[in-house]
């Protein structure tokens, strides 16, 4: 019997021991996993040896990577995974899938605009559309206000005066000992004066220890 899912965005997590399915939201891709339904034919000798392990591994992959086996991908993919299972198991699987869909539908909404199935978090209950087609007004307002507030803060910070000192050259290394001199008037290590040397000829300020003026070349 061909399976007809209400959405192709689902994963079949069934194993030889029972049946379980995960249906995913078309927007956030969060999944809802249905209740596990135990197989009545499990361990009754009606399953081929080795098939169960293959099915279990495929189910784990589907669950891990949210791989759906739906209409667009071809429902034959599910049939191929379960080749070799007993007819009784196949009937159980189909019945469990129908039951799982009824369970999952209660947790999803079908958007009449884009026809996608979405979860409660992505459903705009005021406009009866998904949030992709009709974003929630209060969310959009809050988001716009937050962006405007951040822009205002940045603008206020850019206009604020945060430095009140003088813009002048500072010694980084002591000309005498060669070690980091600090920010004071004297070297933290040897006490050498770090005062700027003023050229007698042109009045330019030069770092302490400079032999010649950097502006006019006069010997200091």
C-alpha atoms as a PDB file:
ATOM      1  CA  UNK A   1       0.000   0.000   0.000  1.00  0.00           C
ATOM      2  CA  UNK A   2       1.382   3.374  -1.012  1.00  0.00           C
ATOM      3  CA  UNK A   3       1.870   5.761   1.872  1.00  0.00           C
ATOM      4  CA  UNK A   4       0.358   9.227   1.470  1.00  0.00           C
ATOM      5  CA  UNK A   5       1.961  11.579   4.013  1.00  0.00           C
ATOM      6  CA  UNK A   6       0.395  14.935   4.799  1.00  0.00           C
ATOM      7  CA  UNK A   7       3.891  16.449   4.430  1.00  0.00           C
ATOM      8  CA  UNK A   8       7.072  15.218   2.759  1.00  0.00           C
ATOM      9  CA  UNK A   9       9.212  16.773   5.488  1.00  0.00           C
ATOM     10  CA  UNK A  10       9.478  13.783   7.799  1.00  0.00           C
ATOM     11  CA  UNK A  11      11.799  10.950   8.795  1.00  0.00           C
ATOM     12  CA  UNK A  12      10.849   7.300   9.273  1.00  0.00           C
ATOM     13  CA  UNK A  13      12.583   6.072  12.435  1.00  0.00           C
ATOM     14  CA  UNK A  14      10.987   2.634  12.430  1.00  0.00           C
ATOM     15  CA  UNK A  15      12.933  -0.522  13.254  1.00  0.00           C
ATOM     16  CA  UNK A  16      12.020  -4.187  13.356  1.00  0.00           C
ATOM     17  CA  UNK A  17      10.990  -3.660  16.985  1.00  0.00           C
ATOM     18  CA  UNK A  18       8.412  -0.976  16.281  1.00  0.00           C
ATOM     19  CA  UNK A  19       7.382   2.206  14.551  1.00  0.00           C
ATOM     20  CA  UNK A  20       8.118   5.870  15.113  1.00  0.00           C
ATOM     21  CA  UNK A  21       8.211   8.924  12.884  1.00  0.00           C
ATOM     22  CA  UNK A  22       9.528  12.494  13.125  1.00  0.00           C
ATOM     23  CA  UNK A  23       7.772  15.362  11.362  1.00  0.00           C
ATOM     24  CA  UNK A  24       9.597  18.658  10.818  1.00  0.00           C
ATOM     25  CA  UNK A  25       8.518  22.295  10.644  1.00  0.00           C
ATOM     26  CA  UNK A  26       9.067  23.847   7.204  1.00  0.00           C
ATOM     27  CA  UNK A  27      10.495  27.046   8.739  1.00  0.00           C
ATOM     28  CA  UNK A  28      12.564  26.236  11.829  1.00  0.00           C
ATOM     29  CA  UNK A  29      13.006  22.531  10.974  1.00  0.00           C
ATOM     30  CA  UNK A  30      12.343  21.517  14.569  1.00  0.00           C
ATOM     31  CA  UNK A  31      10.938  18.023  14.714  1.00  0.00           C
ATOM     32  CA  UNK A  32       8.063  16.374  16.515  1.00  0.00           C
ATOM     33  CA  UNK A  33       8.654  12.673  17.178  1.00  0.00           C
ATOM     34  CA  UNK A  34       5.542  10.531  17.484  1.00  0.00           C
ATOM     35  CA  UNK A  35       4.973   7.933  20.161  1.00  0.00           C
ATOM     36  CA  UNK A  36       6.722   4.596  19.690  1.00  0.00           C
ATOM     37  CA  UNK A  37       4.376   1.806  18.609  1.00  0.00           C
ATOM     38  CA  UNK A  38       5.709  -1.676  19.316  1.00  0.00           C
ATOM     39  CA  UNK A  39       5.533  -4.251  16.533  1.00  0.00           C
ATOM     40  CA  UNK A  40       3.351  -7.258  17.354  1.00  0.00           C
ATOM     41  CA  UNK A  41       5.360  -9.440  14.965  1.00  0.00           C
ATOM     42  CA  UNK A  42       8.694  -8.581  16.597  1.00  0.00           C
ATOM     43  CA  UNK A  43      10.711 -11.624  17.689  1.00  0.00           C
ATOM     44  CA  UNK A  44       8.175 -14.061  16.264  1.00  0.00           C
ATOM     45  CA  UNK A  45      10.406 -15.449  13.527  1.00  0.00           C
ATOM     46  CA  UNK A  46       8.641 -13.670  10.699  1.00  0.00           C
ATOM     47  CA  UNK A  47      11.463 -11.227   9.927  1.00  0.00           C
ATOM     48  CA  UNK A  48      14.499 -11.977   7.815  1.00  0.00           C
ATOM     49  CA  UNK A  49      17.782 -12.136   9.713  1.00  0.00           C
ATOM     50  CA  UNK A  50      20.006  -9.112   9.369  1.00  0.00           C
ATOM     51  CA  UNK A  51      17.311  -6.815   7.976  1.00  0.00           C
ATOM     52  CA  UNK A  52      16.630  -5.276  11.368  1.00  0.00           C
ATOM     53  CA  UNK A  53      20.161  -3.952  11.778  1.00  0.00           C
ATOM     54  CA  UNK A  54      20.075  -2.273   8.404  1.00  0.00           C
ATOM     55  CA  UNK A  55      16.750  -0.641   9.159  1.00  0.00           C
ATOM     56  CA  UNK A  56      17.951   0.546  12.542  1.00  0.00           C
ATOM     57  CA  UNK A  57      21.048   2.174  11.025  1.00  0.00           C
ATOM     58  CA  UNK A  58      18.976   3.876   8.312  1.00  0.00           C
ATOM     59  CA  UNK A  59      16.568   5.165  10.918  1.00  0.00           C
ATOM     60  CA  UNK A  60      19.406   6.604  12.974  1.00  0.00           C
ATOM     61  CA  UNK A  61      20.772   8.423   9.930  1.00  0.00           C
ATOM     62  CA  UNK A  62      17.329   9.779   9.098  1.00  0.00           C
ATOM     63  CA  UNK A  63      16.825  11.006  12.633  1.00  0.00           C
ATOM     64  CA  UNK A  64      20.295  12.556  12.912  1.00  0.00           C
ATOM     65  CA  UNK A  65      20.262  14.487   9.651  1.00  0.00           C
ATOM     66  CA  UNK A  66      16.501  15.181   9.432  1.00  0.00           C
ATOM     67  CA  UNK A  67      16.342  13.259   6.162  1.00  0.00           C
ATOM     68  CA  UNK A  68      12.705  13.040   5.071  1.00  0.00           C
ATOM     69  CA  UNK A  69      11.406  10.316   2.782  1.00  0.00           C
ATOM     70  CA  UNK A  70       8.463  12.049   1.206  1.00  0.00           C
ATOM     71  CA  UNK A  71       6.473  12.461  -1.970  1.00  0.00           C
ATOM     72  CA  UNK A  72       9.037  14.629  -3.747  1.00  0.00           C
ATOM     73  CA  UNK A  73      11.803  12.119  -3.069  1.00  0.00           C
ATOM     74  CA  UNK A  74       9.607   9.167  -4.012  1.00  0.00           C
ATOM     75  CA  UNK A  75       7.777   6.931  -1.571  1.00  0.00           C
ATOM     76  CA  UNK A  76       9.580   3.955  -3.118  1.00  0.00           C
ATOM     77  CA  UNK A  77      12.555   4.884  -0.922  1.00  0.00           C
ATOM     78  CA  UNK A  78      10.687   3.696   2.138  1.00  0.00           C
ATOM     79  CA  UNK A  79       9.594   0.533   0.406  1.00  0.00           C
ATOM     80  CA  UNK A  80      13.180  -0.300  -0.530  1.00  0.00           C
ATOM     81  CA  UNK A  81      14.357   0.157   3.043  1.00  0.00           C
ATOM     82  CA  UNK A  82      11.811  -2.371   4.271  1.00  0.00           C
ATOM     83  CA  UNK A  83      12.205  -5.004   1.569  1.00  0.00           C
ATOM     84  CA  UNK A  84      12.227  -8.435   3.126  1.00  0.00           C
ATOM     85  CA  UNK A  85      10.011  -7.575   6.055  1.00  0.00           C
ATOM     86  CA  UNK A  86       7.001  -9.821   6.564  1.00  0.00           C
ATOM     87  CA  UNK A  87       3.600  -8.802   5.127  1.00  0.00           C
ATOM     88  CA  UNK A  88       2.277  -8.616   8.677  1.00  0.00           C
ATOM     89  CA  UNK A  89       5.032  -6.164   9.611  1.00  0.00           C
ATOM     90  CA  UNK A  90       4.323  -4.079   6.504  1.00  0.00           C
ATOM     91  CA  UNK A  91       0.665  -3.821   7.441  1.00  0.00           C
ATOM     92  CA  UNK A  92       1.625  -2.793  10.954  1.00  0.00           C
ATOM     93  CA  UNK A  93       3.972  -0.165   9.541  1.00  0.00           C
ATOM     94  CA  UNK A  94       1.309   1.364   7.297  1.00  0.00           C
ATOM     95  CA  UNK A  95      -1.232   1.452  10.092  1.00  0.00           C
ATOM     96  CA  UNK A  96       1.298   2.990  12.491  1.00  0.00           C
ATOM     97  CA  UNK A  97       2.187   5.645   9.917  1.00  0.00           C
ATOM     98  CA  UNK A  98      -1.443   6.699   9.565  1.00  0.00           C
ATOM     99  CA  UNK A  99      -1.742   6.852  13.356  1.00  0.00           C
ATOM    100  CA  UNK A 100       1.464   8.873  13.609  1.00  0.00           C
ATOM    101  CA  UNK A 101       0.225  11.399  11.055  1.00  0.00           C
ATOM    102  CA  UNK A 102      -2.977  11.951  13.009  1.00  0.00           C
ATOM    103  CA  UNK A 103      -0.899  12.508  16.129  1.00  0.00           C
ATOM    104  CA  UNK A 104       1.559  14.883  14.431  1.00  0.00           C
ATOM    105  CA  UNK A 105      -1.072  16.991  12.659  1.00  0.00           C
ATOM    106  CA  UNK A 106      -2.265  18.265  16.027  1.00  0.00           C
ATOM    107  CA  UNK A 107       1.113  19.973  16.453  1.00  0.00           C
ATOM    108  CA  UNK A 108       1.315  21.618  12.999  1.00  0.00           C
ATOM    109  CA  UNK A 109      -0.584  24.174  10.936  1.00  0.00           C
ATOM    110  CA  UNK A 110      -0.861  24.320   7.152  1.00  0.00           C
ATOM    111  CA  UNK A 111      -0.347  27.846   5.837  1.00  0.00           C
ATOM    112  CA  UNK A 112      -2.984  28.650   3.176  1.00  0.00           C
ATOM    113  CA  UNK A 113      -0.583  31.082   1.501  1.00  0.00           C
ATOM    114  CA  UNK A 114       2.532  28.948   0.962  1.00  0.00           C
ATOM    115  CA  UNK A 115       0.872  25.556   1.770  1.00  0.00           C
ATOM    116  CA  UNK A 116       3.759  24.632   4.105  1.00  0.00           C
ATOM    117  CA  UNK A 117       3.234  22.810   7.399  1.00  0.00           C
ATOM    118  CA  UNK A 118       4.713  24.724  10.329  1.00  0.00           C
ATOM    119  CA  UNK A 119       4.916  24.272  14.107  1.00  0.00           C
ATOM    120  CA  UNK A 120       3.202  26.408  16.753  1.00  0.00           C
ATOM    121  CA  UNK A 121       6.265  28.645  17.129  1.00  0.00           C
ATOM    122  CA  UNK A 122       6.100  29.654  13.470  1.00  0.00           C
ATOM    123  CA  UNK A 123       2.344  30.133  13.227  1.00  0.00           C
ATOM    124  CA  UNK A 124       0.765  33.612  13.310  1.00  0.00           C
ATOM    125  CA  UNK A 125      -2.492  32.884  15.093  1.00  0.00           C
ATOM    126  CA  UNK A 126      -3.822  36.420  14.490  1.00  0.00           C
ATOM    127  CA  UNK A 127      -3.566  36.268  10.692  1.00  0.00           C
ATOM    128  CA  UNK A 128      -3.843  32.468  10.360  1.00  0.00           C
ATOM    129  CA  UNK A 129      -0.682  32.367   8.274  1.00  0.00           C
ATOM    130  CA  UNK A 130       2.849  31.165   8.910  1.00  0.00           C
ATOM    131  CA  UNK A 131       5.277  33.738  10.250  1.00  0.00           C
ATOM    132  CA  UNK A 132       7.205  33.678   6.976  1.00  0.00           C
ATOM    133  CA  UNK A 133       4.146  34.888   5.059  1.00  0.00           C
ATOM    134  CA  UNK A 134       2.836  37.104   7.864  1.00  0.00           C
ATOM    135  CA  UNK A 135       5.382  38.022  10.568  1.00  0.00           C
ATOM    136  CA  UNK A 136       3.890  38.696  13.996  1.00  0.00           C
ATOM    137  CA  UNK A 137       3.312  42.450  14.398  1.00  0.00           C
ATOM    138  CA  UNK A 138       4.503  42.634  18.006  1.00  0.00           C
ATOM    139  CA  UNK A 139       7.674  40.722  17.146  1.00  0.00           C
ATOM    140  CA  UNK A 140       8.425  43.012  14.197  1.00  0.00           C
ATOM    141  CA  UNK A 141       7.835  46.120  16.321  1.00  0.00           C
ATOM    142  CA  UNK A 142      10.047  44.822  19.115  1.00  0.00           C
ATOM    143  CA  UNK A 143      12.775  43.946  16.621  1.00  0.00           C
ATOM    144  CA  UNK A 144      12.563  47.373  14.937  1.00  0.00           C
ATOM    145  CA  UNK A 145      12.676  49.150  18.317  1.00  0.00           C
ATOM    146  CA  UNK A 146      15.727  47.137  19.371  1.00  0.00           C
ATOM    147  CA  UNK A 147      17.553  47.986  16.139  1.00  0.00           C
ATOM    148  CA  UNK A 148      16.691  51.689  16.492  1.00  0.00           C
ATOM    149  CA  UNK A 149      17.818  51.695  20.126  1.00  0.00           C
ATOM    150  CA  UNK A 150      21.138  50.095  19.186  1.00  0.00           C
ATOM    151  CA  UNK A 151      21.638  52.667  16.405  1.00  0.00           C
ATOM    152  CA  UNK A 152      20.880  55.538  18.812  1.00  0.00           C
ATOM    153  CA  UNK A 153      23.341  54.175  21.356  1.00  0.00           C
ATOM    154  CA  UNK A 154      26.052  53.918  18.710  1.00  0.00           C
ATOM    155  CA  UNK A 155      25.361  57.456  17.535  1.00  0.00           C
ATOM    156  CA  UNK A 156      25.431  58.788  21.102  1.00  0.00           C
ATOM    157  CA  UNK A 157      28.685  56.992  21.822  1.00  0.00           C
ATOM    158  CA  UNK A 158      30.259  58.318  18.622  1.00  0.00           C
ATOM    159  CA  UNK A 159      29.393  61.891  19.639  1.00  0.00           C
ATOM    160  CA  UNK A 160      30.583  61.527  23.232  1.00  0.00           C
ATOM    161  CA  UNK A 161      33.945  63.005  24.262  1.00  0.00           C
ATOM    162  CA  UNK A 162      35.852  60.312  26.099  1.00  0.00           C
ATOM    163  CA  UNK A 163      39.452  61.592  25.916  1.00  0.00           C
ATOM    164  CA  UNK A 164      40.404  64.851  27.614  1.00  0.00           C
ATOM    165  CA  UNK A 165      44.192  64.600  27.605  1.00  0.00           C
ATOM    166  CA  UNK A 166      46.691  66.297  25.353  1.00  0.00           C
ATOM    167  CA  UNK A 167      47.632  64.762  22.046  1.00  0.00           C
ATOM    168  CA  UNK A 168      51.408  64.606  22.173  1.00  0.00           C
ATOM    169  CA  UNK A 169      54.191  62.131  21.594  1.00  0.00           C
ATOM    170  CA  UNK A 170      54.904  59.733  24.475  1.00  0.00           C
ATOM    171  CA  UNK A 171      58.063  57.805  25.156  1.00  0.00           C
ATOM    172  CA  UNK A 172      57.574  54.076  24.881  1.00  0.00           C
ATOM    173  CA  UNK A 173      61.168  53.004  25.523  1.00  0.00           C
ATOM    174  CA  UNK A 174      63.650  54.760  27.779  1.00  0.00           C
ATOM    175  CA  UNK A 175      66.510  56.285  25.700  1.00  0.00           C
ATOM    176  CA  UNK A 176      68.950  55.386  28.484  1.00  0.00           C
ATOM    177  CA  UNK A 177      68.106  51.832  29.619  1.00  0.00           C
ATOM    178  CA  UNK A 178      66.001  50.768  26.628  1.00  0.00           C
ATOM    179  CA  UNK A 179      63.216  49.326  28.766  1.00  0.00           C
ATOM    180  CA  UNK A 180      59.503  50.304  28.692  1.00  0.00           C
ATOM    181  CA  UNK A 181      59.477  53.725  30.283  1.00  0.00           C
ATOM    182  CA  UNK A 182      55.826  53.993  31.399  1.00  0.00           C
ATOM    183  CA  UNK A 183      53.637  57.077  31.065  1.00  0.00           C
ATOM    184  CA  UNK A 184      55.196  59.343  33.713  1.00  0.00           C
ATOM    185  CA  UNK A 185      57.820  62.085  33.391  1.00  0.00           C
ATOM    186  CA  UNK A 186      60.623  59.736  34.414  1.00  0.00           C
ATOM    187  CA  UNK A 187      61.564  56.175  33.407  1.00  0.00           C
ATOM    188  CA  UNK A 188      60.071  53.542  35.702  1.00  0.00           C
ATOM    189  CA  UNK A 189      63.279  51.525  35.557  1.00  0.00           C
ATOM    190  CA  UNK A 190      66.236  53.935  35.724  1.00  0.00           C
ATOM    191  CA  UNK A 191      64.704  57.330  36.534  1.00  0.00           C
ATOM    192  CA  UNK A 192      65.846  58.994  33.291  1.00  0.00           C
ATOM    193  CA  UNK A 193      63.874  62.141  32.493  1.00  0.00           C
ATOM    194  CA  UNK A 194      61.410  61.612  29.688  1.00  0.00           C
ATOM    195  CA  UNK A 195      60.644  65.283  29.126  1.00  0.00           C
ATOM    196  CA  UNK A 196      60.531  66.350  25.505  1.00  0.00           C
ATOM    197  CA  UNK A 197      63.629  68.218  24.345  1.00  0.00           C
ATOM    198  CA  UNK A 198      62.758  71.629  22.875  1.00  0.00           C
ATOM    199  CA  UNK A 199      64.904  72.858  19.992  1.00  0.00           C
ATOM    200  CA  UNK A 200      66.384  76.281  20.690  1.00  0.00           C
ATOM    201  CA  UNK A 201      66.311  77.192  17.017  1.00  0.00           C
ATOM    202  CA  UNK A 202      62.838  76.190  15.796  1.00  0.00           C
ATOM    203  CA  UNK A 203      61.056  75.328  19.039  1.00  0.00           C
ATOM    204  CA  UNK A 204      60.100  71.832  17.899  1.00  0.00           C
ATOM    205  CA  UNK A 205      59.669  69.151  20.551  1.00  0.00           C
ATOM    206  CA  UNK A 206      61.813  66.049  20.256  1.00  0.00           C
ATOM    207  CA  UNK A 207      61.866  62.821  22.259  1.00  0.00           C
ATOM    208  CA  UNK A 208      64.318  62.708  25.162  1.00  0.00           C
ATOM    209  CA  UNK A 209      67.755  61.491  24.129  1.00  0.00           C
ATOM    210  CA  UNK A 210      67.475  62.782  20.555  1.00  0.00           C
ATOM    211  CA  UNK A 211      70.802  64.150  19.294  1.00  0.00           C
ATOM    212  CA  UNK A 212      69.459  66.411  16.542  1.00  0.00           C
ATOM    213  CA  UNK A 213      66.177  68.242  16.016  1.00  0.00           C
ATOM    214  CA  UNK A 214      63.849  66.348  13.758  1.00  0.00           C
ATOM    215  CA  UNK A 215      62.568  69.589  12.233  1.00  0.00           C
ATOM    216  CA  UNK A 216      65.599  71.753  11.555  1.00  0.00           C
ATOM    217  CA  UNK A 217      68.535  69.442  12.213  1.00  0.00           C
ATOM    218  CA  UNK A 218      70.111  71.600  14.949  1.00  0.00           C
ATOM    219  CA  UNK A 219      72.168  69.710  17.471  1.00  0.00           C
ATOM    220  CA  UNK A 220      70.330  69.342  20.784  1.00  0.00           C
END
